[in-house]
Amino acid sequence: MVGEMFRLGTFAAGGAVFTGLELGNEQIVDLGASAARAGITLPPFGSLRDLLGSWDRNFDALLAVARHARGCDPIEIGVLQLKDTHPFPPLGSTSRLLYAAANYRDHVAGMRKTFTPPVVASGTSAPSPLRPYMFGKLSAPTGAFDDIMLPPAIERTDWEAELMVAIGKPAHHVRQANVADHIAGYLTTNDVSCRDLTWRDDRPAIRSDWLAGKSFDSFAPIGPYFTPRQFVPDHADLAIRLWVNGEIKQDGNSRDMIFSIEEQVEYASRLMTLVPGDLIATGTPAGTGQERLEFLREGDLVECEVQFCGRQRNRVVAERAAS
């Protein structure tokens, strides 16, 4: 199945925005036009997200469209190169974003060297069993080539390369053994983070502030592609890498998660009903800026890649404060 791999996304080119089908080598065609040319009926869709609700059925139709497009003359069907498009977030800008925190052992160990945890009063009771740690991020997703904006007066803006899971079937109190039925595919994301505000020195009894630390504009680049789960042989063995100005900073693998994707989806589905288009970022490996005491500066180029899911290229710019 991997040999027939295609990916999907949302792109702009020539003044038009369209759902695109990536056929390999970053060659992209308009999905709607390709389906019509092949005589294949897809359900009405305004965006890629509309195709997730009946993912298994729609996947077969998409596979047939991709096979037909590969047999056509590239010029006749208007093949574009990714570099000649502007990729938007593949599933749009309204997805709910859930993020796993502290989910790679090497990352947790590195963070403990540079962040001082709050003092917790000792007790006689046994510690609670470890469970997944998740937070919601309120940034609107941005595109894989969009700028990362440095907030004014912020000194420690950080990077976090992550594998992201897209829900394709509603999930409520789902068991780990059944999680695969609820996953439509995978994406690359960078959980850009403001370390200045993650810990509240003015509220020592509370300490963490995930809203302020994570939700600035441009802090959730996603894409460029949505990769169907059928083309990912094992989501527990994917390379996750990030570079700043060509220097590799993170070089990890999803096998090193503390909690598996199955455990994370099960946990999240106990908190809320997950619906098609919900996105779960599954944690970051070691090598973040906080661990290195290095942070993003104006002019930096951040490249982030998850195996099978494509590479982001985001330039860092200074956000201009309103006058």
Protein backbone atom coordinates (compact mmCIF):
# COMPACT_ATOMS: atom_id res chain seq x y z
CA MET A 1 0.00 0.00 0.00
CA VAL A 2 2.88 2.41 0.73
CA GLY A 3 3.87 2.12 -2.95
CA GLU A 4 0.57 3.77 -3.89
CA MET A 5 1.00 6.53 -1.34
CA PHE A 6 -0.75 9.83 -1.82
CA ARG A 7 -1.17 12.75 0.54
CA LEU A 8 -3.72 15.51 0.77
CA GLY A 9 -3.71 19.18 1.67
CA THR A 10 -5.18 22.62 1.16
CA PHE A 11 -3.27 24.89 -1.20
CA ALA A 12 -3.45 28.26 -2.93
CA ALA A 13 -2.14 28.85 -6.43
CA GLY A 14 -3.06 31.33 -9.14
CA GLY A 15 -5.50 33.10 -6.85
CA ALA A 16 -7.51 29.94 -6.12
CA VAL A 17 -7.66 27.81 -2.97
CA PHE A 18 -8.24 24.10 -3.52
CA THR A 19 -8.04 20.69 -1.88
CA GLY A 20 -4.98 19.07 -3.39
CA LEU A 21 -3.87 15.51 -3.98
CA GLU A 22 -0.10 14.99 -3.68
CA LEU A 23 1.03 12.14 -5.95
CA GLY A 24 4.64 11.92 -4.80
CA ASN A 25 7.74 14.07 -5.31
CA GLU A 26 5.68 17.06 -4.08
CA GLN A 27 3.54 16.98 -7.25
CA ILE A 28 0.04 18.28 -6.56
CA VAL A 29 -3.21 18.20 -8.54
CA ASP A 30 -6.64 19.61 -7.79
CA LEU A 31 -8.60 16.81 -6.11
CA GLY A 32 -12.05 17.89 -7.32
CA ALA A 33 -10.94 18.31 -10.93
CA SER A 34 -9.03 15.01 -10.85
CA ALA A 35 -12.06 13.13 -9.52
CA ALA A 36 -14.28 14.60 -12.24
CA ARG A 37 -11.72 13.72 -14.91
CA ALA A 38 -11.61 10.13 -13.64
CA GLY A 39 -15.42 9.88 -13.47
CA ILE A 40 -15.22 9.11 -9.74
CA THR A 41 -17.87 10.50 -7.42
CA LEU A 42 -16.72 11.93 -4.11
CA PRO A 43 -19.16 13.21 -1.49
CA PRO A 44 -19.67 16.99 -1.61
CA PHE A 45 -16.78 18.65 0.21
CA GLY A 46 -15.86 22.22 0.88
CA SER A 47 -12.61 21.19 2.52
CA LEU A 48 -10.53 18.12 3.21
CA ARG A 49 -12.06 17.93 6.66
CA ASP A 50 -15.43 17.08 5.10
CA LEU A 51 -13.97 13.81 3.79
CA LEU A 52 -12.92 12.49 7.19
CA GLY A 53 -16.34 11.53 8.54
CA SER A 54 -16.64 8.44 6.30
CA TRP A 55 -12.93 7.98 5.93
CA ASP A 56 -12.69 4.27 5.06
CA ARG A 57 -15.24 4.59 2.25
CA ASN A 58 -13.78 7.84 0.96
CA PHE A 59 -10.23 6.48 1.05
CA ASP A 60 -11.04 3.87 -1.59
CA ALA A 61 -12.41 6.58 -3.89
CA LEU A 62 -9.37 8.80 -3.27
CA LEU A 63 -7.05 5.90 -4.06
CA ALA A 64 -8.83 5.41 -7.39
CA VAL A 65 -8.50 9.12 -8.18
CA ALA A 66 -4.77 9.01 -7.42
CA ARG A 67 -4.27 5.95 -9.63
CA HIS A 68 -6.05 7.65 -12.52
CA ALA A 69 -4.12 10.91 -12.10
CA ARG A 70 -0.79 9.06 -12.19
CA GLY A 71 -1.71 7.69 -15.60
CA CYS A 72 -2.43 11.13 -17.09
CA ASP A 73 -0.13 13.58 -18.81
CA PRO A 74 1.15 15.97 -16.08
CA ILE A 75 0.79 19.03 -18.29
CA GLU A 76 -2.75 18.19 -19.33
CA ILE A 77 -3.95 17.75 -15.74
CA GLY A 78 -2.14 20.83 -14.42
CA VAL A 79 0.36 19.27 -12.04
CA LEU A 80 1.87 21.83 -9.65
CA GLN A 81 4.98 21.62 -7.52
CA LEU A 82 4.56 22.25 -3.80
CA LYS A 83 7.05 25.13 -4.02
CA ASP A 84 4.74 26.89 -6.46
CA THR A 85 1.79 26.81 -4.04
CA HIS A 86 1.00 28.27 -0.65
CA PRO A 87 -0.03 25.47 1.71
CA PHE A 88 -2.73 26.22 4.24
CA PRO A 89 -3.42 24.03 7.30
CA PRO A 90 -4.59 20.79 5.62
CA LEU A 91 -7.78 20.48 7.68
CA GLY A 92 -8.52 24.19 7.90
CA SER A 93 -8.21 26.66 10.75
CA THR A 94 -11.07 25.55 12.99
CA SER A 95 -9.87 22.17 14.26
CA ARG A 96 -9.69 21.56 18.01
CA LEU A 97 -6.04 21.21 18.99
CA LEU A 98 -5.00 18.91 21.84
CA TYR A 99 -1.34 18.62 22.78
CA ALA A 100 0.47 16.05 24.89
CA ALA A 101 2.94 17.49 27.38
CA ALA A 102 5.93 15.70 28.88
CA ASN A 103 5.53 12.61 26.70
CA TYR A 104 9.15 11.79 25.80
CA ARG A 105 11.51 10.68 28.58
CA ASP A 106 14.58 12.36 27.08
CA HIS A 107 12.70 15.65 26.68
CA VAL A 108 11.39 15.51 30.26
CA ALA A 109 14.91 14.86 31.54
CA GLY A 110 16.30 17.78 29.53
CA MET A 111 13.62 20.17 30.73
CA ARG A 112 14.27 19.30 34.37
CA LYS A 113 17.81 20.60 33.97
CA THR A 114 16.66 24.09 33.02
CA PHE A 115 13.25 24.51 34.70
CA THR A 116 12.95 24.37 38.48
CA PRO A 117 9.73 22.53 39.38
CA PRO A 118 7.55 23.88 42.20
CA VAL A 119 8.07 22.48 45.68
CA VAL A 120 5.33 20.02 46.60
CA ALA A 121 4.59 19.23 50.23
CA SER A 122 5.49 15.66 51.13
CA GLY A 123 2.75 13.28 52.26
CA THR A 124 2.36 9.76 53.45
CA SER A 125 0.08 8.54 50.65
CA ALA A 126 1.48 6.70 47.66
CA PRO A 127 1.85 8.76 44.44
CA SER A 128 -0.97 8.53 41.92
CA PRO A 129 -0.39 6.34 38.85
CA LEU A 130 1.08 8.28 35.95
CA ARG A 131 -1.44 9.23 33.27
CA PRO A 132 -1.24 11.26 30.05
CA TYR A 133 -0.83 15.01 30.43
CA MET A 134 -2.67 17.08 27.81
CA PHE A 135 -3.62 20.70 27.20
CA GLY A 136 -5.64 22.61 24.64
CA LYS A 137 -3.95 25.12 22.36
CA LEU A 138 -6.08 28.04 21.18
CA SER A 139 -3.89 29.25 18.34
CA ALA A 140 -5.54 29.06 14.96
CA PRO A 141 -3.57 26.56 12.88
CA THR A 142 -1.30 28.20 10.33
CA GLY A 143 0.36 26.92 7.18
CA ALA A 144 3.53 24.93 6.78
CA PHE A 145 5.34 27.83 5.10
CA ASP A 146 3.82 30.70 7.09
CA ASP A 147 5.94 32.95 9.29
CA ILE A 148 6.38 32.34 13.01
CA MET A 149 5.86 35.69 14.70
CA LEU A 150 7.89 36.60 17.78
CA PRO A 151 5.64 38.38 20.29
CA PRO A 152 6.90 41.79 21.47
CA ALA A 153 9.04 41.78 24.63
CA ILE A 154 9.30 37.97 24.61
CA GLU A 155 12.81 36.52 24.81
CA ARG A 156 12.36 32.74 24.92
CA THR A 157 10.32 31.48 21.97
CA ASP A 158 10.96 27.76 21.51
CA TRP A 159 10.35 24.97 19.00
CA GLU A 160 8.79 21.52 19.51
CA ALA A 161 8.55 19.11 16.55
CA GLU A 162 5.60 16.74 16.92
CA LEU A 163 3.67 13.98 15.20
CA MET A 164 0.00 14.92 14.99
CA VAL A 165 -2.97 12.54 14.75
CA ALA A 166 -6.20 13.41 12.91
CA ILE A 167 -9.45 11.90 14.15
CA GLY A 168 -11.69 10.48 11.43
CA LYS A 169 -14.48 8.82 13.41
CA PRO A 170 -16.17 10.07 16.58
CA ALA A 171 -14.53 8.63 19.68
CA HIS A 172 -16.05 8.60 23.17
CA HIS A 173 -14.64 6.32 25.86
CA VAL A 174 -12.83 4.39 23.15
CA ARG A 175 -10.56 1.51 24.22
CA GLN A 176 -6.93 1.36 23.17
CA ALA A 177 -7.54 -1.76 21.08
CA ASN A 178 -10.07 0.16 18.97
CA VAL A 179 -8.21 3.46 18.57
CA ALA A 180 -6.96 2.63 15.05
CA ASP A 181 -10.57 2.66 13.83
CA HIS A 182 -10.85 6.32 14.85
CA ILE A 183 -7.65 7.65 13.24
CA ALA A 184 -7.83 9.00 9.70
CA GLY A 185 -4.21 10.09 9.31
CA TYR A 186 -1.15 11.99 10.46
CA LEU A 187 0.50 15.39 10.07
CA THR A 188 3.63 17.34 10.95
CA THR A 189 3.32 20.15 13.49
CA ASN A 190 5.54 22.46 15.50
CA ASP A 191 4.25 23.30 18.98
CA VAL A 192 5.88 26.73 19.12
CA SER A 193 6.11 27.73 22.78
CA CYS A 194 6.74 30.88 24.80
CA ARG A 195 8.89 29.79 27.72
CA ASP A 196 8.81 33.27 29.28
CA LEU A 197 5.17 32.75 30.19
CA THR A 198 4.86 28.99 30.70
CA TRP A 199 5.64 29.29 34.41
CA ARG A 200 3.97 32.04 36.44
CA ASP A 201 6.41 33.49 38.97
CA ASP A 202 3.58 35.69 40.23
CA ARG A 203 1.45 32.61 41.07
CA PRO A 204 3.90 30.19 42.75
CA ALA A 205 1.15 27.96 44.11
CA ILE A 206 -0.24 27.42 40.59
CA ARG A 207 2.83 27.90 38.41
CA SER A 208 1.86 26.70 34.92
CA ASP A 209 0.10 28.87 32.35
CA TRP A 210 -0.43 26.83 29.20
CA LEU A 211 -2.68 29.44 27.53
CA ALA A 212 -0.08 32.21 27.65
CA GLY A 213 2.79 29.86 26.93
CA LYS A 214 1.30 28.19 23.86
CA SER A 215 -1.42 30.20 22.14
CA PHE A 216 0.12 33.22 20.44
CA ASP A 217 -0.78 33.77 16.79
CA SER A 218 1.34 31.63 14.41
CA PHE A 219 2.33 29.17 17.17
CA ALA A 220 0.65 26.16 15.50
CA PRO A 221 2.03 25.57 11.99
CA ILE A 222 0.54 22.34 10.61
CA GLY A 223 1.19 20.45 7.37
CA PRO A 224 1.94 20.73 4.53
CA TYR A 225 0.23 17.36 4.13
CA PHE A 226 -2.35 15.11 5.69
CA THR A 227 -1.07 11.53 5.26
CA PRO A 228 -3.74 8.80 5.36
CA ARG A 229 -3.13 6.21 8.05
CA GLN A 230 -3.08 3.50 5.38
CA PHE A 231 0.30 4.80 4.22
CA VAL A 232 1.99 4.89 7.63
CA PRO A 233 3.29 1.38 8.40
CA ASP A 234 3.74 1.98 12.14
CA HIS A 235 2.96 5.24 13.91
CA ALA A 236 5.06 3.99 16.82
CA ASP A 237 8.22 4.13 14.69
CA LEU A 238 8.39 7.47 12.90
CA ALA A 239 11.38 9.81 12.67
CA ILE A 240 10.74 13.32 14.03
CA ARG A 241 13.29 16.02 13.21
CA LEU A 242 13.71 19.77 13.43
CA TRP A 243 16.39 22.13 12.13
CA VAL A 244 17.11 25.79 12.83
CA ASN A 245 19.12 27.52 10.10
CA GLY A 246 20.12 24.11 8.73
CA GLU A 247 21.45 22.78 12.06
CA ILE A 248 19.57 19.80 13.42
CA LYS A 249 18.18 20.42 16.89
CA GLN A 250 15.75 17.53 17.36
CA ASP A 251 16.30 14.01 16.03
CA GLY A 252 13.84 11.68 17.72
CA ASN A 253 11.46 8.83 17.06
CA SER A 254 7.87 8.21 18.10
CA ARG A 255 8.93 4.87 19.62
CA ASP A 256 10.26 6.87 22.59
CA MET A 257 6.88 8.18 23.75
CA ILE A 258 5.97 7.59 27.39
CA PHE A 259 2.30 7.14 26.47
CA SER A 260 1.46 5.61 23.11
CA ILE A 261 -0.94 7.17 20.64
CA GLU A 262 -3.48 4.53 21.64
CA GLU A 263 -3.19 5.55 25.30
CA GLN A 264 -3.43 9.24 24.45
CA VAL A 265 -6.55 8.89 22.30
CA GLU A 266 -8.20 6.67 24.91
CA TYR A 267 -7.44 9.26 27.60
CA ALA A 268 -8.64 12.23 25.54
CA SER A 269 -11.85 10.42 24.60
CA ARG A 270 -12.67 10.10 28.30
CA LEU A 271 -12.49 13.88 28.64
CA MET A 272 -14.55 14.74 25.58
CA THR A 273 -16.12 13.24 22.48
CA LEU A 274 -13.50 13.47 19.76
CA VAL A 275 -14.96 14.31 16.34
CA PRO A 276 -13.65 14.17 12.76
CA GLY A 277 -11.05 16.84 12.24
CA ASP A 278 -9.88 17.01 15.86
CA LEU A 279 -6.08 17.01 16.02
CA ILE A 280 -3.87 15.54 18.74
CA ALA A 281 -0.17 16.43 18.89
CA THR A 282 1.61 13.61 20.65
CA GLY A 283 4.59 15.22 22.37
CA THR A 284 8.09 16.28 21.41
CA PRO A 285 11.46 14.53 21.70
CA ALA A 286 14.57 16.02 23.26
CA GLY A 287 16.42 18.95 21.75
CA THR A 288 14.09 21.88 22.33
CA GLY A 289 15.48 25.36 22.80
CA GLN A 290 14.73 25.38 26.53
CA GLU A 291 16.91 22.31 26.99
CA ARG A 292 19.70 23.94 25.00
CA LEU A 293 19.10 27.45 26.36
CA GLU A 294 18.82 28.58 22.75
CA PHE A 295 15.76 30.42 21.45
CA LEU A 296 14.34 31.64 18.16
CA ARG A 297 15.47 34.98 16.79
CA GLU A 298 14.24 37.17 13.96
CA GLY A 299 15.45 35.83 10.62
CA ASP A 300 15.80 32.19 11.71
CA LEU A 301 14.50 29.44 9.43
CA VAL A 302 12.79 26.56 11.25
CA GLU A 303 12.31 23.29 9.37
CA CYS A 304 10.23 20.55 10.98
CA GLU A 305 9.55 17.09 9.55
CA VAL A 306 7.76 13.91 10.55
CA GLN A 307 8.46 10.82 8.46
CA PHE A 308 5.82 10.35 5.70
CA CYS A 309 4.13 13.66 6.62
CA GLY A 310 6.23 16.31 4.91
CA ARG A 311 8.50 19.16 5.95
CA GLN A 312 7.59 22.62 7.18
CA ARG A 313 9.71 25.69 6.46
CA ASN A 314 8.82 28.65 8.65
CA ARG A 315 10.72 31.94 8.74
CA VAL A 316 10.84 33.70 12.11
CA VAL A 317 9.79 37.35 12.04
CA ALA A 318 9.18 39.99 14.67
CA GLU A 319 5.53 40.72 15.31
CA ARG A 320 4.94 44.45 15.00
CA ALA A 321 3.13 45.86 18.02
CA ALA A 322 0.06 47.94 17.26
CA SER A 323 0.75 51.66 17.36
